[in-house]
N, C-alpha and C. Protein backbone atom coordinates (compact mmCIF):
# COMPACT_ATOMS: atom_id res chain seq x y z
N CYS A 1 -31.81 -51.79 -38.03
CA CYS A 1 -32.38 -50.94 -39.04
C CYS A 1 -33.41 -49.99 -38.44
N ASP A 2 -33.42 -48.80 -38.91
CA ASP A 2 -34.38 -47.80 -38.45
C ASP A 2 -35.77 -48.05 -39.02
N VAL A 3 -36.78 -47.69 -38.25
CA VAL A 3 -38.17 -47.76 -38.69
C VAL A 3 -38.61 -46.33 -39.00
N LEU A 4 -39.15 -46.13 -40.19
CA LEU A 4 -39.57 -44.80 -40.60
C LEU A 4 -41.05 -44.62 -40.33
N MET A 5 -41.39 -43.52 -39.68
CA MET A 5 -42.79 -43.20 -39.42
C MET A 5 -43.35 -42.60 -40.70
N GLY A 6 -44.65 -42.69 -40.85
CA GLY A 6 -45.27 -42.06 -42.00
C GLY A 6 -45.89 -43.07 -42.94
N ARG A 7 -46.48 -42.53 -43.98
CA ARG A 7 -47.19 -43.34 -44.96
C ARG A 7 -46.43 -43.36 -46.26
N GLY A 8 -46.88 -44.22 -47.13
CA GLY A 8 -46.32 -44.22 -48.47
C GLY A 8 -45.34 -45.35 -48.70
N ARG A 9 -45.02 -45.49 -49.96
CA ARG A 9 -44.17 -46.59 -50.41
C ARG A 9 -42.76 -46.52 -49.82
N ALA A 10 -42.22 -45.31 -49.71
CA ALA A 10 -40.84 -45.18 -49.22
C ALA A 10 -40.68 -45.77 -47.83
N SER A 11 -41.61 -45.47 -46.94
CA SER A 11 -41.49 -46.02 -45.59
C SER A 11 -41.90 -47.49 -45.57
N GLN A 12 -42.88 -47.88 -46.36
CA GLN A 12 -43.30 -49.28 -46.39
C GLN A 12 -42.19 -50.20 -46.87
N GLN A 13 -41.43 -49.74 -47.86
CA GLN A 13 -40.40 -50.59 -48.44
C GLN A 13 -39.06 -50.51 -47.69
N HIS A 14 -38.95 -49.65 -46.73
CA HIS A 14 -37.71 -49.51 -45.98
C HIS A 14 -37.43 -50.80 -45.19
N SER A 15 -36.17 -51.19 -45.14
CA SER A 15 -35.82 -52.47 -44.50
C SER A 15 -36.21 -52.54 -43.03
N GLY A 16 -36.12 -51.43 -42.31
CA GLY A 16 -36.51 -51.43 -40.90
C GLY A 16 -38.01 -51.63 -40.73
N ASN A 17 -38.80 -51.07 -41.62
CA ASN A 17 -40.25 -51.26 -41.58
C ASN A 17 -40.62 -52.70 -41.93
N ALA A 18 -39.88 -53.29 -42.88
CA ALA A 18 -40.11 -54.69 -43.23
C ALA A 18 -39.79 -55.58 -42.03
N ARG A 19 -38.73 -55.25 -41.31
CA ARG A 19 -38.38 -56.02 -40.12
C ARG A 19 -39.47 -55.89 -39.05
N LEU A 20 -40.00 -54.69 -38.88
CA LEU A 20 -41.07 -54.49 -37.91
C LEU A 20 -42.30 -55.33 -38.30
N ARG A 21 -42.64 -55.36 -39.59
CA ARG A 21 -43.78 -56.17 -40.03
C ARG A 21 -43.54 -57.65 -39.74
N LYS A 22 -42.30 -58.10 -39.90
CA LYS A 22 -41.96 -59.50 -39.61
C LYS A 22 -42.12 -59.78 -38.12
N LEU A 23 -41.65 -58.87 -37.28
CA LEU A 23 -41.81 -59.04 -35.83
C LEU A 23 -43.29 -59.06 -35.44
N VAL A 24 -44.06 -58.18 -36.05
CA VAL A 24 -45.50 -58.14 -35.77
C VAL A 24 -46.14 -59.49 -36.12
N ALA A 25 -45.79 -60.04 -37.28
CA ALA A 25 -46.35 -61.32 -37.70
C ALA A 25 -45.97 -62.43 -36.71
N GLU A 26 -44.73 -62.40 -36.22
CA GLU A 26 -44.25 -63.41 -35.28
C GLU A 26 -44.98 -63.33 -33.94
N TRP A 27 -45.35 -62.13 -33.53
CA TRP A 27 -45.97 -61.92 -32.21
C TRP A 27 -47.49 -61.82 -32.28
N MET A 28 -48.07 -61.90 -33.48
CA MET A 28 -49.49 -61.63 -33.65
C MET A 28 -50.40 -62.54 -32.83
N GLU A 29 -50.12 -63.82 -32.81
CA GLU A 29 -50.98 -64.76 -32.10
C GLU A 29 -51.01 -64.45 -30.60
N LYS A 30 -49.84 -64.19 -30.04
CA LYS A 30 -49.77 -63.85 -28.61
C LYS A 30 -50.47 -62.51 -28.35
N TYR A 31 -50.27 -61.55 -29.23
CA TYR A 31 -50.89 -60.23 -29.09
C TYR A 31 -52.42 -60.35 -29.09
N ASP A 32 -52.96 -61.10 -30.04
CA ASP A 32 -54.42 -61.25 -30.12
C ASP A 32 -55.00 -61.96 -28.91
N ALA A 33 -54.25 -62.87 -28.31
CA ALA A 33 -54.75 -63.64 -27.17
C ALA A 33 -54.57 -62.90 -25.85
N SER A 34 -53.99 -61.72 -25.88
CA SER A 34 -53.64 -61.00 -24.65
C SER A 34 -54.66 -59.93 -24.30
N PRO A 35 -54.80 -59.65 -22.97
CA PRO A 35 -55.62 -58.51 -22.57
C PRO A 35 -54.92 -57.20 -22.95
N ARG A 36 -55.65 -56.10 -22.85
CA ARG A 36 -55.16 -54.80 -23.33
C ARG A 36 -53.80 -54.40 -22.75
N LYS A 37 -53.63 -54.52 -21.44
CA LYS A 37 -52.34 -54.12 -20.83
C LYS A 37 -51.19 -54.97 -21.35
N SER A 38 -51.45 -56.24 -21.56
CA SER A 38 -50.40 -57.11 -22.09
C SER A 38 -50.07 -56.75 -23.53
N LYS A 39 -51.07 -56.32 -24.28
CA LYS A 39 -50.83 -55.89 -25.66
C LYS A 39 -49.87 -54.71 -25.68
N MET A 40 -50.05 -53.80 -24.76
CA MET A 40 -49.16 -52.65 -24.67
C MET A 40 -47.73 -53.11 -24.36
N ALA A 41 -47.61 -54.09 -23.47
CA ALA A 41 -46.29 -54.61 -23.11
C ALA A 41 -45.63 -55.30 -24.30
N ILE A 42 -46.41 -55.99 -25.11
CA ILE A 42 -45.86 -56.65 -26.30
C ILE A 42 -45.36 -55.60 -27.29
N ALA A 43 -46.14 -54.54 -27.49
CA ALA A 43 -45.72 -53.46 -28.38
C ALA A 43 -44.43 -52.81 -27.85
N GLU A 44 -44.35 -52.62 -26.54
CA GLU A 44 -43.13 -52.06 -25.94
C GLU A 44 -41.95 -53.00 -26.15
N HIS A 45 -42.20 -54.29 -26.09
CA HIS A 45 -41.14 -55.29 -26.31
C HIS A 45 -40.60 -55.18 -27.75
N LEU A 46 -41.49 -54.96 -28.71
CA LEU A 46 -41.03 -54.80 -30.08
C LEU A 46 -40.16 -53.54 -30.23
N VAL A 47 -40.55 -52.47 -29.55
CA VAL A 47 -39.73 -51.25 -29.55
C VAL A 47 -38.34 -51.57 -29.00
N MET A 48 -38.31 -52.32 -27.90
CA MET A 48 -37.03 -52.70 -27.27
C MET A 48 -36.19 -53.55 -28.24
N LEU A 49 -36.83 -54.49 -28.94
CA LEU A 49 -36.09 -55.33 -29.88
C LEU A 49 -35.46 -54.49 -30.99
N ILE A 50 -36.21 -53.52 -31.50
CA ILE A 50 -35.67 -52.63 -32.54
C ILE A 50 -34.50 -51.82 -31.98
N HIS A 51 -34.69 -51.24 -30.78
CA HIS A 51 -33.62 -50.45 -30.16
C HIS A 51 -32.39 -51.29 -29.85
N ASP A 52 -32.60 -52.50 -29.34
CA ASP A 52 -31.48 -53.37 -28.98
C ASP A 52 -30.63 -53.77 -30.18
N SER A 53 -31.25 -53.75 -31.36
CA SER A 53 -30.49 -54.09 -32.57
C SER A 53 -29.88 -52.84 -33.22
N GLY A 54 -29.98 -51.71 -32.52
CA GLY A 54 -29.38 -50.47 -33.03
C GLY A 54 -30.34 -49.63 -33.87
N GLY A 55 -31.58 -50.06 -33.97
CA GLY A 55 -32.56 -49.34 -34.77
C GLY A 55 -33.22 -48.22 -33.99
N ARG A 56 -33.78 -47.29 -34.73
CA ARG A 56 -34.51 -46.16 -34.14
C ARG A 56 -35.83 -46.01 -34.87
N PHE A 57 -36.74 -45.29 -34.26
CA PHE A 57 -38.01 -44.93 -34.89
C PHE A 57 -37.87 -43.46 -35.27
N LEU A 58 -37.91 -43.18 -36.57
CA LEU A 58 -37.62 -41.85 -37.06
C LEU A 58 -38.81 -41.23 -37.77
N LYS A 59 -38.96 -39.91 -37.56
CA LYS A 59 -40.04 -39.15 -38.17
C LYS A 59 -39.42 -37.98 -38.94
N LYS A 60 -39.93 -37.73 -40.14
CA LYS A 60 -39.40 -36.65 -40.96
C LYS A 60 -39.98 -35.32 -40.50
N ARG A 61 -39.09 -34.37 -40.25
CA ARG A 61 -39.52 -33.04 -39.83
C ARG A 61 -39.89 -32.19 -41.04
N ASP A 62 -40.44 -31.03 -40.78
CA ASP A 62 -40.83 -30.11 -41.86
C ASP A 62 -39.65 -29.68 -42.72
N ASP A 63 -38.44 -29.66 -42.12
CA ASP A 63 -37.26 -29.25 -42.89
C ASP A 63 -36.58 -30.44 -43.58
N ASP A 64 -37.31 -31.56 -43.69
CA ASP A 64 -36.85 -32.79 -44.36
C ASP A 64 -35.71 -33.51 -43.63
N ARG A 65 -35.47 -33.17 -42.39
CA ARG A 65 -34.49 -33.89 -41.58
C ARG A 65 -35.24 -34.91 -40.74
N TRP A 66 -34.55 -35.97 -40.36
CA TRP A 66 -35.16 -37.03 -39.57
C TRP A 66 -34.84 -36.82 -38.10
N GLU A 67 -35.84 -37.11 -37.24
CA GLU A 67 -35.61 -37.05 -35.81
C GLU A 67 -36.21 -38.29 -35.17
N GLU A 68 -35.59 -38.71 -34.09
CA GLU A 68 -36.07 -39.89 -33.37
C GLU A 68 -37.30 -39.53 -32.55
N VAL A 69 -38.29 -40.40 -32.56
CA VAL A 69 -39.51 -40.17 -31.78
C VAL A 69 -39.35 -40.82 -30.40
N ASP A 70 -40.22 -40.43 -29.47
CA ASP A 70 -40.15 -41.01 -28.13
C ASP A 70 -40.74 -42.42 -28.14
N ASP A 71 -40.57 -43.12 -27.02
CA ASP A 71 -41.01 -44.50 -26.93
C ASP A 71 -42.52 -44.66 -27.04
N VAL A 72 -43.27 -43.66 -26.61
CA VAL A 72 -44.74 -43.74 -26.71
C VAL A 72 -45.16 -43.75 -28.18
N GLU A 73 -44.58 -42.87 -28.97
CA GLU A 73 -44.91 -42.82 -30.39
C GLU A 73 -44.43 -44.09 -31.11
N ALA A 74 -43.27 -44.60 -30.69
CA ALA A 74 -42.76 -45.85 -31.27
C ALA A 74 -43.68 -47.02 -30.91
N ARG A 75 -44.14 -47.06 -29.66
CA ARG A 75 -45.07 -48.11 -29.24
C ARG A 75 -46.37 -48.02 -30.04
N ASN A 76 -46.85 -46.81 -30.27
CA ASN A 76 -48.07 -46.63 -31.06
C ASN A 76 -47.88 -47.14 -32.49
N LYS A 77 -46.69 -46.95 -33.05
CA LYS A 77 -46.38 -47.46 -34.39
C LYS A 77 -46.48 -48.99 -34.39
N CYS A 78 -45.95 -49.63 -33.35
CA CYS A 78 -46.01 -51.08 -33.26
C CYS A 78 -47.45 -51.56 -33.08
N SER A 79 -48.21 -50.90 -32.22
CA SER A 79 -49.61 -51.26 -32.00
C SER A 79 -50.40 -51.13 -33.29
N ASN A 80 -50.14 -50.07 -34.03
CA ASN A 80 -50.80 -49.88 -35.31
C ASN A 80 -50.42 -50.99 -36.29
N GLY A 81 -49.18 -51.45 -36.20
CA GLY A 81 -48.73 -52.56 -37.04
C GLY A 81 -49.55 -53.82 -36.79
N PHE A 82 -49.87 -54.08 -35.51
CA PHE A 82 -50.70 -55.24 -35.19
C PHE A 82 -52.11 -55.08 -35.78
N ARG A 83 -52.68 -53.90 -35.64
CA ARG A 83 -54.02 -53.67 -36.19
C ARG A 83 -54.02 -53.81 -37.72
N LYS A 84 -53.01 -53.25 -38.35
CA LYS A 84 -52.90 -53.33 -39.81
C LYS A 84 -52.72 -54.78 -40.26
N HIS A 85 -51.92 -55.53 -39.53
CA HIS A 85 -51.70 -56.95 -39.87
C HIS A 85 -53.02 -57.71 -39.79
N ARG A 86 -53.81 -57.43 -38.76
CA ARG A 86 -55.10 -58.09 -38.59
C ARG A 86 -56.03 -57.73 -39.75
N GLU A 87 -56.08 -56.44 -40.12
CA GLU A 87 -56.92 -56.00 -41.24
C GLU A 87 -56.53 -56.71 -42.53
N MET A 88 -55.24 -56.81 -42.78
CA MET A 88 -54.77 -57.45 -44.00
C MET A 88 -55.11 -58.94 -44.00
N SER A 89 -55.02 -59.58 -42.85
CA SER A 89 -55.36 -61.01 -42.75
C SER A 89 -56.84 -61.22 -43.03
N ILE A 90 -57.68 -60.34 -42.52
CA ILE A 90 -59.13 -60.43 -42.77
C ILE A 90 -59.42 -60.24 -44.25
N LYS A 91 -58.77 -59.25 -44.87
CA LYS A 91 -58.99 -59.01 -46.30
C LYS A 91 -58.58 -60.22 -47.13
N LYS A 92 -57.44 -60.83 -46.78
CA LYS A 92 -56.98 -62.01 -47.52
C LYS A 92 -57.98 -63.15 -47.36
N SER A 93 -58.50 -63.34 -46.16
CA SER A 93 -59.49 -64.41 -45.93
C SER A 93 -60.75 -64.18 -46.75
N GLU A 94 -61.20 -62.94 -46.78
CA GLU A 94 -62.40 -62.61 -47.56
C GLU A 94 -62.17 -62.83 -49.05
N GLN A 95 -60.99 -62.49 -49.53
CA GLN A 95 -60.68 -62.70 -50.94
C GLN A 95 -60.67 -64.18 -51.27
N LEU A 96 -60.09 -64.99 -50.39
CA LEU A 96 -60.07 -66.44 -50.61
C LEU A 96 -61.48 -67.00 -50.63
N GLU A 97 -62.33 -66.53 -49.74
CA GLU A 97 -63.72 -66.99 -49.71
C GLU A 97 -64.43 -66.65 -51.01
N ARG A 98 -64.23 -65.42 -51.50
CA ARG A 98 -64.88 -65.01 -52.76
C ARG A 98 -64.37 -65.84 -53.93
N GLN A 99 -63.09 -66.18 -53.92
CA GLN A 99 -62.53 -66.99 -55.00
C GLN A 99 -63.06 -68.41 -54.97
N GLN A 100 -63.33 -68.94 -53.79
CA GLN A 100 -63.80 -70.32 -53.66
C GLN A 100 -65.29 -70.45 -53.91
N GLN A 101 -66.06 -69.40 -53.71
CA GLN A 101 -67.51 -69.46 -53.89
C GLN A 101 -67.92 -69.91 -55.30
N PRO A 102 -67.39 -69.33 -56.36
CA PRO A 102 -67.79 -69.79 -57.69
C PRO A 102 -67.46 -71.27 -57.91
N GLN A 103 -66.33 -71.73 -57.40
CA GLN A 103 -65.97 -73.14 -57.55
C GLN A 103 -66.96 -74.02 -56.81
N GLU A 104 -67.37 -73.63 -55.63
CA GLU A 104 -68.33 -74.40 -54.84
C GLU A 104 -69.68 -74.44 -55.54
N GLN A 105 -70.10 -73.32 -56.18
CA GLN A 105 -71.37 -73.29 -56.88
C GLN A 105 -71.35 -74.23 -58.07
N VAL A 106 -70.24 -74.31 -58.78
CA VAL A 106 -70.12 -75.19 -59.92
C VAL A 106 -70.20 -76.65 -59.46
N LEU A 107 -69.56 -76.95 -58.35
CA LEU A 107 -69.56 -78.32 -57.83
C LEU A 107 -70.95 -78.74 -57.37
N GLN A 108 -71.76 -77.81 -56.91
CA GLN A 108 -73.11 -78.13 -56.41
C GLN A 108 -74.08 -78.40 -57.54
N LYS A 109 -73.82 -77.90 -58.75
CA LYS A 109 -74.75 -78.06 -59.87
C LYS A 109 -74.71 -79.42 -60.45
């Protein structure tokens, strides 16, 4: 499946983008534990996995046609996916903490 570059619901809900998010989640622990150069290699590996399955990284041109981006831009998309995944995990943790605080206060009284 192709991965669509860009923002918005259309690209987020695309099956190739969902697959990329799944790959990011699977590789997140290794990515976080790695030094910077290794992180780049992991992002490149995700690009290779998408390409090996017949997928491409596509960007919409001004004339509304799609074109394939180079490997550097594709790698940047994967790296951004790791950062976004981390941000979302932090937000979820903070939300859980806020939800548990009122319960803990009630139990302490």
